[in-house]
């Protein structure tokens, strides 16, 4: 049994002793107002009962506040994911190609280009076309890429690149070959 004994000051009279559980029940059931005062041995003066217990209304208010904050944080995170998910997905595909096929070579060539142009450059690649990838002897491939480049300063323009790749069997991925990709300033005329 608890040795703590608390007294309440109600309507001009001292009542008690009570336990913390009893006082909490009385406050939360409305028998005692949350502005009541309490005292126990060791205190110099009477204290508000809210320093001893937290009324249910306050707990509910805190939970709602916490819930609204959590909902707001979730909404902001969802917006960020929605805005950046295509970029993140493309970046992952450009860096994690393990198959030795045309589509993997295409995506890895994009990654090689993006690494050299800078991740934050405004480059919008054309969709994959198998005709863009040519397999060469010795686990090599040549990939022709076409992209709309939007520089920070100046007008956007269509540019073509040739990226040479080498397939590393040990790492199971396409790597940039020695001859990287001299860009041509304009697409070939048809």
Foldseek 3Di string as FASTA:
>chain_A
DDPWFKWWQPPNDIDDRDDLVVVQVCCQVVVDPQQIWMDTPPDPDTHRCCVSDPHPVNVVVVVVVVVVVVVVVVVVVVVVCVVCVVLVVLQCLCPDQQDLDQVSVQSVLVNVVCVVVDVPWPKAWDDDDSVQWDDDPQQKIKGKTWIFTDGPDDHIAIKIWIWIWHQDPVVRHIDGDPDGIDIDPHDDDD
